[in-house]
Protein backbone atom coordinates (compact mmCIF):
# COMPACT_ATOMS: atom_id res chain seq x y z
CA MET A 1 5.48 -21.89 21.56
CA LYS A 2 2.71 -21.93 18.81
CA THR A 3 0.04 -23.29 21.52
CA GLN A 4 1.29 -20.37 24.28
CA SER A 5 0.89 -17.91 21.30
CA PHE A 6 -2.53 -18.88 20.57
CA LEU A 7 -3.82 -19.31 23.99
CA LEU A 8 -2.56 -15.62 24.72
CA GLY A 9 -4.15 -14.48 21.91
CA LEU A 10 -7.60 -15.96 22.42
CA TRP A 11 -7.65 -14.74 25.80
CA LEU A 12 -6.84 -11.08 24.69
CA PHE A 13 -9.71 -11.33 22.23
CA LEU A 14 -12.45 -12.52 24.53
CA ALA A 15 -11.42 -10.95 27.96
CA GLY A 16 -9.67 -7.70 26.68
CA SER A 17 -5.97 -6.80 26.84
CA PRO A 18 -4.15 -7.10 30.26
CA VAL A 19 -2.95 -3.76 29.77
CA GLN A 20 -6.47 -2.54 30.84
CA SER A 21 -5.64 -2.81 34.40
CA GLN A 22 -2.42 -1.48 34.18
CA GLU A 23 -1.05 1.97 33.41
CA SER A 24 -0.21 2.14 29.79
CA ASP A 25 1.51 4.55 27.61
CA PRO A 26 -1.44 5.99 25.17
CA THR A 27 1.10 7.04 22.85
CA ILE A 28 0.77 5.51 19.34
CA ALA A 29 4.16 5.77 17.68
CA SER A 30 7.04 3.95 16.52
CA LYS A 31 9.54 3.33 19.03
CA TYR A 32 12.32 3.71 16.10
CA ASP A 33 11.33 7.11 14.73
CA GLN A 34 14.69 7.36 12.71
CA GLY A 35 13.77 4.12 10.26
CA TYR A 36 10.88 3.07 8.09
CA VAL A 37 8.17 0.64 8.79
CA MET A 38 6.43 -0.54 5.76
CA LEU A 39 3.15 -2.51 6.08
CA MET A 40 1.63 -4.14 2.89
CA GLY A 41 -1.63 -5.72 2.88
CA GLY A 42 -1.00 -8.09 0.28
CA GLY A 43 0.95 -8.15 -3.00
CA ILE A 44 3.88 -5.84 -4.11
CA SER A 45 3.70 -3.10 -6.63
CA GLU A 46 6.39 -1.42 -8.73
CA GLN A 47 5.98 1.98 -6.98
CA GLN A 48 6.40 0.14 -3.67
CA ALA A 49 9.25 -1.98 -4.78
CA ALA A 50 10.89 1.40 -6.09
CA PHE A 51 10.67 2.81 -2.73
CA ILE A 52 12.29 -0.26 -1.02
CA ASN A 53 14.97 -0.17 -3.77
CA ARG A 54 16.11 3.30 -2.45
CA PHE A 55 17.52 1.28 0.47
CA CYS A 56 19.41 -1.17 -1.47
CA SER A 57 22.78 -1.63 -3.27
CA ALA A 58 25.24 -4.19 -4.55
CA GLU A 59 27.25 -3.81 -1.32
CA ARG A 60 23.89 -3.80 0.98
CA PRO A 61 21.46 -6.27 -0.44
CA LEU A 62 17.68 -6.57 0.56
CA VAL A 63 17.50 -9.33 3.14
CA VAL A 64 14.60 -11.34 2.29
CA ILE A 65 13.21 -13.58 5.27
CA PRO A 66 10.83 -16.12 4.04
CA THR A 67 10.28 -17.91 7.57
CA ALA A 68 6.29 -17.33 7.03
CA TYR A 69 6.22 -19.85 4.24
CA SER A 70 5.41 -23.39 5.11
CA ASP A 71 8.04 -26.27 5.28
CA LYS A 72 6.59 -27.61 2.13
CA ALA A 73 6.87 -24.38 0.29
CA ILE A 74 10.40 -24.02 1.08
CA GLN A 75 11.23 -27.58 0.36
CA ARG A 76 9.83 -27.11 -3.06
CA ASP A 77 12.19 -24.27 -3.64
CA THR A 78 15.23 -24.48 -1.31
CA HIS A 79 17.30 -21.93 -3.06
CA PHE A 80 14.38 -19.48 -3.25
CA ARG A 81 14.98 -18.97 -7.11
CA LYS A 82 11.03 -17.95 -7.59
CA VAL A 83 11.58 -15.43 -4.80
CA ARG A 84 14.65 -13.98 -6.35
CA GLU A 85 13.09 -13.68 -9.73
CA ARG A 86 10.15 -11.96 -8.45
CA PHE A 87 12.10 -9.16 -6.92
CA ARG A 88 14.30 -9.12 -9.94
CA LYS A 89 11.15 -8.53 -12.20
CA LEU A 90 10.50 -5.60 -9.65
CA GLY A 91 13.69 -3.91 -10.16
CA ILE A 92 15.38 -5.07 -6.91
CA ASP A 93 18.61 -7.28 -8.22
CA SER A 94 20.47 -7.40 -4.88
CA VAL A 95 18.61 -9.98 -2.60
CA GLN A 96 20.19 -12.12 0.02
CA MET A 97 17.96 -14.67 1.72
CA LEU A 98 17.96 -15.47 5.32
CA HIS A 99 15.78 -18.08 7.04
CA THR A 100 15.59 -20.54 9.98
CA ARG A 101 13.14 -22.34 12.39
CA SER A 102 15.54 -22.57 15.20
CA ARG A 103 15.69 -19.87 17.83
CA ALA A 104 19.00 -21.17 18.68
CA VAL A 105 20.53 -20.47 15.20
CA ALA A 106 18.56 -16.93 15.35
CA ASN A 107 20.70 -16.16 18.27
CA THR A 108 24.00 -16.88 16.62
CA PRO A 109 26.50 -14.01 15.47
CA ALA A 110 26.67 -15.55 11.80
CA PHE A 111 23.01 -15.69 11.07
CA VAL A 112 22.30 -12.24 12.47
CA GLN A 113 25.46 -10.61 10.36
CA PRO A 114 23.58 -9.93 7.23
CA LEU A 115 21.07 -7.85 9.09
CA GLU A 116 23.95 -5.88 10.62
CA GLU A 117 25.10 -4.98 7.10
CA THR A 118 21.89 -4.17 5.46
CA LYS A 119 19.58 -1.09 5.58
CA ALA A 120 16.54 -2.95 4.66
CA VAL A 121 14.82 -6.37 5.32
CA PHE A 122 11.75 -7.54 3.86
CA PHE A 123 9.57 -10.29 5.46
CA LEU A 124 7.37 -12.47 2.97
CA GLY A 125 3.92 -13.66 3.49
CA GLY A 126 2.68 -16.80 4.76
CA LYS A 127 1.96 -17.69 8.66
CA THR A 128 2.90 -14.77 10.80
CA ALA A 129 3.17 -17.03 13.72
CA HIS A 130 6.05 -18.86 11.81
CA ILE A 131 8.22 -15.48 11.98
CA VAL A 132 7.22 -14.65 15.52
CA ASP A 133 7.88 -18.26 16.86
CA ALA A 134 11.48 -17.96 15.44
CA TYR A 135 12.54 -14.63 15.93
CA LYS A 136 10.47 -12.83 18.60
CA ASN A 137 12.95 -11.90 21.54
CA THR A 138 16.01 -12.95 19.82
CA ALA A 139 19.15 -11.71 18.54
CA VAL A 140 17.34 -11.25 15.17
CA GLN A 141 14.70 -8.82 16.79
CA GLU A 142 17.60 -6.91 18.22
CA ALA A 143 19.23 -6.44 14.76
CA LEU A 144 15.74 -5.47 13.20
CA GLU A 145 15.37 -2.62 15.83
CA ALA A 146 19.06 -1.61 15.08
CA ILE A 147 18.17 -1.43 11.43
CA LEU A 148 15.17 0.91 12.32
CA GLN A 149 17.53 2.93 14.74
CA ARG A 150 19.93 3.88 12.12
CA GLY A 151 17.49 4.95 9.62
CA GLY A 152 16.63 1.79 7.71
CA LEU A 153 13.70 -0.11 6.57
CA VAL A 154 11.76 -2.95 7.89
CA ALA A 155 9.23 -4.09 5.17
CA GLY A 156 6.90 -7.07 5.30
CA VAL A 157 3.82 -8.14 3.11
CA SER A 158 0.94 -9.84 4.49
CA ALA A 159 1.80 -12.01 7.47
CA GLY A 160 5.17 -9.95 7.26
CA SER A 161 3.70 -6.65 8.10
CA GLY A 162 1.18 -8.33 10.76
CA CYS A 163 4.35 -9.24 12.74
CA GLN A 164 5.68 -5.77 13.08
CA ALA A 165 2.94 -4.53 15.62
CA SER A 166 2.01 -5.13 19.19
CA TYR A 167 -0.61 -7.44 18.09
CA PHE A 168 -1.45 -9.45 14.84
CA THR A 169 -4.57 -11.23 13.88
CA GLY A 170 -5.47 -14.79 13.53
CA LYS A 171 -8.44 -16.50 12.57
CA ASP A 172 -10.38 -15.51 15.67
CA SER A 173 -7.78 -13.98 17.83
CA LEU A 174 -4.85 -11.76 18.44
CA HIS A 175 -1.10 -12.74 18.77
CA PRO A 176 1.67 -10.58 20.35
CA GLY A 177 4.06 -9.26 17.74
CA PHE A 178 7.72 -7.52 17.57
CA GLU A 179 5.81 -4.24 18.77
CA PHE A 180 7.94 -1.91 16.35
CA LEU A 181 4.56 0.03 16.41
CA LYS A 182 3.40 0.45 20.05
CA ASN A 183 -0.25 -0.16 20.79
CA THR A 184 -1.23 -1.28 17.53
CA VAL A 185 -3.13 -4.14 15.88
CA ILE A 186 -2.41 -4.78 12.05
CA MET A 187 -4.98 -6.52 9.87
CA ASN A 188 -4.00 -7.82 6.17
CA HIS A 189 -6.14 -8.49 2.96
CA PHE A 190 -8.43 -6.48 4.90
CA LEU A 191 -11.21 -5.79 2.42
CA ARG A 192 -10.37 -8.63 -0.15
CA LYS A 193 -10.98 -11.22 2.73
CA ASN A 194 -13.82 -8.98 4.62
CA LYS A 195 -12.22 -8.87 7.80
CA GLN A 196 -13.88 -5.49 8.77
CA PHE A 197 -15.93 -6.77 11.87
CA ASP A 198 -13.42 -9.55 12.73
CA HIS A 199 -11.98 -7.85 16.04
CA THR A 200 -14.53 -4.88 16.67
CA ASP A 201 -14.96 -6.46 20.16
CA PHE A 202 -11.34 -6.03 21.06
CA PHE A 203 -11.20 -2.16 19.70
CA GLN A 204 -14.43 -1.70 21.81
CA LYS A 205 -12.74 -2.85 24.94
CA ASN A 206 -9.59 -1.53 24.26
CA ARG A 207 -9.85 2.05 22.96
CA HIS A 208 -5.91 3.01 23.25
CA TYR A 209 -5.24 0.46 20.67
CA LEU A 210 -5.15 1.42 17.17
CA GLY A 211 -6.22 -0.71 14.40
CA LEU A 212 -4.68 -0.69 10.79
CA GLY A 213 -6.66 -2.66 8.33
CA ILE A 214 -4.54 -2.92 5.18
CA ASP A 215 -5.86 -4.00 1.98
CA GLU A 216 -4.26 -5.95 -0.95
CA GLY A 217 -2.35 -3.83 -3.38
CA THR A 218 -1.78 -1.12 -0.41
CA ALA A 219 1.00 -0.15 1.99
CA LEU A 220 1.24 2.05 4.73
CA ILE A 221 4.78 3.47 4.97
CA ILE A 222 5.50 4.87 8.78
CA HIS A 223 8.45 7.20 9.46
CA LYS A 224 8.67 9.59 12.52
CA GLY A 225 5.23 8.51 13.51
CA VAL A 226 3.37 9.69 10.34
CA GLY A 227 2.14 6.95 8.04
CA GLU A 228 1.20 7.33 4.15
CA VAL A 229 -0.75 5.42 2.10
CA VAL A 230 0.37 4.07 -0.91
CA GLY A 231 -1.18 1.73 -3.61
CA SER A 232 -4.48 1.02 -5.32
CA SER A 233 -6.80 0.22 -2.25
CA TYR A 234 -7.19 1.22 1.07
CA VAL A 235 -5.87 1.53 4.58
CA ALA A 236 -8.88 1.07 7.32
CA ILE A 237 -8.40 2.89 10.45
CA TYR A 238 -10.12 2.05 13.78
CA ASP A 239 -8.93 4.97 16.22
CA GLY A 240 -12.20 5.48 18.02
CA THR A 241 -13.39 8.51 15.61
CA ASP A 242 -14.74 8.89 11.99
CA TYR A 243 -13.22 10.97 9.50
CA VAL A 244 -15.63 12.96 7.53
CA ARG A 245 -13.58 13.85 4.55
CA SER A 246 -16.08 16.24 2.86
CA ASN A 247 -15.84 18.48 5.91
CA ASP A 248 -12.34 17.66 6.89
CA GLU A 249 -13.95 16.83 10.13
CA ILE A 250 -13.05 14.36 12.80
CA VAL A 251 -16.04 13.14 14.83
CA PRO A 252 -15.80 11.04 18.11
CA LEU A 253 -17.71 7.65 18.13
CA PRO A 254 -19.53 6.06 21.11
CA SER A 255 -17.81 3.31 22.78
CA ASP A 256 -20.09 0.73 21.42
CA SER A 257 -19.49 1.82 17.88
CA GLU A 258 -18.01 -0.57 14.90
CA ARG A 259 -17.34 1.95 12.51
CA PHE A 260 -13.86 2.66 10.94
CA TYR A 261 -13.02 4.83 8.14
CA LEU A 262 -10.66 4.61 4.94
CA LEU A 263 -7.74 6.26 3.85
CA GLN A 264 -6.57 6.39 0.23
CA GLN A 265 -3.24 6.77 -1.89
CA GLY A 266 -1.24 10.08 -0.67
CA ASP A 267 -3.32 10.28 2.55
CA ARG A 268 -1.38 10.62 5.50
CA TYR A 269 -2.10 9.64 9.28
CA ASP A 270 -0.30 11.00 12.58
CA LEU A 271 0.13 7.79 14.76
CA ASN A 272 0.90 10.22 17.65
CA GLN A 273 -2.23 12.38 17.35
CA ARG A 274 -4.40 9.70 16.00
CA GLN A 275 -5.70 11.77 13.25
CA VAL A 276 -5.51 12.14 9.24
CA ILE A 277 -3.19 14.81 8.47
CA SER A 278 -5.16 17.14 6.25
CA HIS A 279 -3.73 20.01 4.52
CA GLN A 280 -6.21 22.37 6.54
CA ARG A 281 -4.65 21.21 9.65
CA LEU A 282 -1.20 21.95 8.75
CA GLN A 283 0.46 24.79 10.52
CA PRO A 284 2.63 27.03 7.83
CA ILE A 285 5.69 28.89 9.04
CA GLU A 286 6.88 32.23 8.13
CA LEU A 287 9.41 32.62 5.53
CA PRO A 288 10.74 35.34 3.33
CA LEU A 289 9.00 34.76 -0.13
CA ALA A 290 10.50 36.82 -2.65
CA GLU A 291 13.21 34.47 -3.71
CA TYR A 292 10.45 31.98 -4.81
CA VAL A 293 8.38 34.40 -6.97
CA GLY A 294 8.54 34.04 -10.67
CA ALA A 295 7.64 31.89 -13.52
CA TYR A 296 8.45 28.36 -13.78
CA THR A 297 8.20 26.03 -16.92
CA SER A 298 8.81 22.30 -17.63
CA SER A 299 11.89 21.34 -20.14
CA THR A 300 9.58 20.44 -22.81
CA ASN A 301 7.47 23.66 -22.36
CA ASP A 302 4.13 22.04 -22.16
CA PHE A 303 3.37 22.99 -18.77
CA GLY A 304 4.22 26.11 -16.84
CA LEU A 305 3.05 28.15 -13.53
CA GLN A 306 3.48 31.64 -12.16
CA LEU A 307 3.95 32.35 -8.48
CA THR A 308 3.22 35.82 -7.32
CA GLN A 309 3.25 36.60 -3.31
CA GLN A 310 0.04 36.91 -1.49
CA ASN A 311 0.06 37.34 2.11
CA ASN A 312 2.13 34.87 3.77
CA GLY A 313 1.97 32.60 0.77
CA LEU A 314 2.36 32.27 -2.89
CA LEU A 315 -0.69 32.33 -5.37
CA LEU A 316 -0.11 29.69 -8.11
CA THR A 317 -1.49 30.32 -11.62
CA ASN A 318 -0.97 27.35 -13.98
CA SER A 319 -0.94 27.33 -17.66
CA TRP A 320 -3.85 25.02 -17.97
CA GLY A 321 -5.85 27.89 -16.69
CA TRP A 322 -7.11 26.17 -13.56
CA LYS A 323 -8.30 28.44 -10.82
CA PRO A 324 -5.55 29.98 -8.82
CA TYR A 325 -4.77 28.32 -5.63
CA LEU A 326 -2.58 29.52 -2.43
CA ILE A 327 0.42 27.33 -1.50
CA VAL A 328 2.23 27.95 1.95
CA PRO A 329 5.53 26.89 3.29
CA LEU A 330 5.78 23.92 5.75
CA GLU A 331 9.55 24.31 5.84
CA LYS A 332 12.28 25.65 3.84
CA ASP A 333 11.88 25.06 0.11
CA VAL A 334 8.82 22.89 1.04
CA PHE A 335 5.21 24.09 0.48
CA TYR A 336 1.62 22.79 0.19
CA ALA A 337 -1.46 23.64 -1.23
CA THR A 338 -4.17 24.78 1.15
CA ASN A 339 -7.07 23.04 -0.73
CA ARG A 340 -5.89 20.00 -2.15
CA PRO A 341 -2.96 17.10 -1.36
CA ILE A 342 -0.51 18.49 -3.74
CA TRP A 343 3.02 19.55 -2.60
CA PHE A 344 6.11 21.60 -3.87
CA ARG A 345 9.85 21.14 -3.49
CA PHE A 346 11.79 23.70 -4.85
CA ARG A 347 15.39 22.99 -5.99
CA ARG A 348 18.44 25.23 -5.49
CA SER A 349 21.65 25.76 -7.40
CA ALA A 350 24.95 24.95 -5.78
CA ALA A 351 25.44 28.73 -4.93
CA GLY A 352 21.98 28.67 -3.21
CA ALA A 353 19.72 30.23 -5.63
CA VAL A 354 16.00 28.87 -6.49
CA ILE A 355 16.35 27.38 -9.88
CA GLY A 356 13.29 25.34 -10.16
CA VAL A 357 10.24 23.42 -8.45
CA ASP A 358 8.94 19.78 -8.27
CA LYS A 359 5.23 19.56 -8.11
CA LEU A 360 4.60 16.64 -5.94
CA LYS A 361 1.98 13.69 -5.40
CA SER A 362 3.66 12.33 -2.40
CA VAL A 363 5.76 13.92 0.19
CA LEU A 364 7.40 10.46 1.36
CA LEU A 365 7.76 8.80 -2.42
CA GLY A 366 8.44 12.18 -3.94
CA GLU A 367 6.39 11.21 -6.93
CA VAL A 368 6.84 14.11 -9.43
CA ILE A 369 4.01 15.34 -11.27
CA HIS A 370 5.98 18.27 -13.02
CA ARG A 371 9.38 19.12 -12.84
CA LEU A 372 9.96 22.69 -13.63
CA GLY A 373 12.89 25.16 -14.07
CA LYS A 374 12.76 28.93 -12.92
CA LEU A 375 12.80 31.03 -15.92
C-alpha cells in the first residue's frame, strides 16, 4: 500500500495529474458543506482548541486519532497519557483515542462506533501515509464523511490535515488523500520548513488545483466553501493569481509563474470563487435600519459607540474619537465595516428588540472585541 501510494504520487508530480486528460469539475469546494474542516500547519493554540471544544461534551468526546504516529512512539505511550494531558491543558477534557493499522479492523462496526457518536475528530501529526493507508476507502472514511454531513468537525494538525485534501505532499511527491476538499493540495509547516517552491511544477501543469500552504501556529477553518485564517503566521495560496492587498486587487498570473500570496489572521477565502473575500467585494443587502440606530456602551462604560443612519448603512462614531466609518448589513443583525475587517452582530431580547451589539474580530470564531448594550 505504501509503495503504491508513493509511485502514484511521484508520477503525478513528474507528469502532471491524470485529470488533465479527463473532463474535470473545476469547482474547488468542500463536498461536505454543512461541516467544518480544520487544517492546522503545526501546533495547536488555545484559540484553536477553544473552537474545537465547541463541538465536544462529556457525552460526545473529541475522538483523537494518533495513527500518524510511528509504532515506536505509540509503544512508548500505549495509553496515550501525554496526548490526553496535552488536550487537557488546552481545555479539552473529554477525549477518546482511536487507533489501528489494520484496514480490516477499520471496517468493523465496533471500531467505527465512536465516530458515529461524536461531533468532532482530531488527527494528530506524524506521517500522513500512515493515516491514509489505514483508513482511506474504509468504514472510517465513511464515518468521517458522515460527521461532516451532519455539521460536525474534522480537524488535524500537520500530517493530520494533509490527509484531508485531494493530495498531500511528501518529500518530492504528491499522494492521494481523503478528498474532503476537491482539487486541493495541502502543504504543512509551510514557511517554517521552506516548502514555498517544492511543488510549483505541479501547480503550473495543473492550474485547476488549489494549493494551500499552512504554516506552523496557523489554521484554516473551512465551512460552506469559505476558509478563515486563524493563528499567528500565514496561509499561502497557489491559485494562479496574486492578491495585492494594498489595492484589494486580484491579478492573473502567467502560466509559468511561481508566485503565491499570503493570508493572515482573520482573512477569509472563497474556495468556490478562488479569491479572497474582502469587505469591498461583499454585497450588502437592503434592510430597515431604524431599530439599529442609537447609542451603545460597554458594561464598564469605558467604551461606547453611536450609530446613525446614512443611506443604506449605519455611520459608526466611537468614543475613542476615531474617524467615523460606515457599516452595512450582510444579513439581518450582521453588519460589516466597508473599510476594515471588523464585523458587528446585534443581539435581541426574547421579545425581538435590539438590545446590544458585539464588535467582532472574526465571523467564524466570534471573537468579541467589545460587547455593548443599547442605551
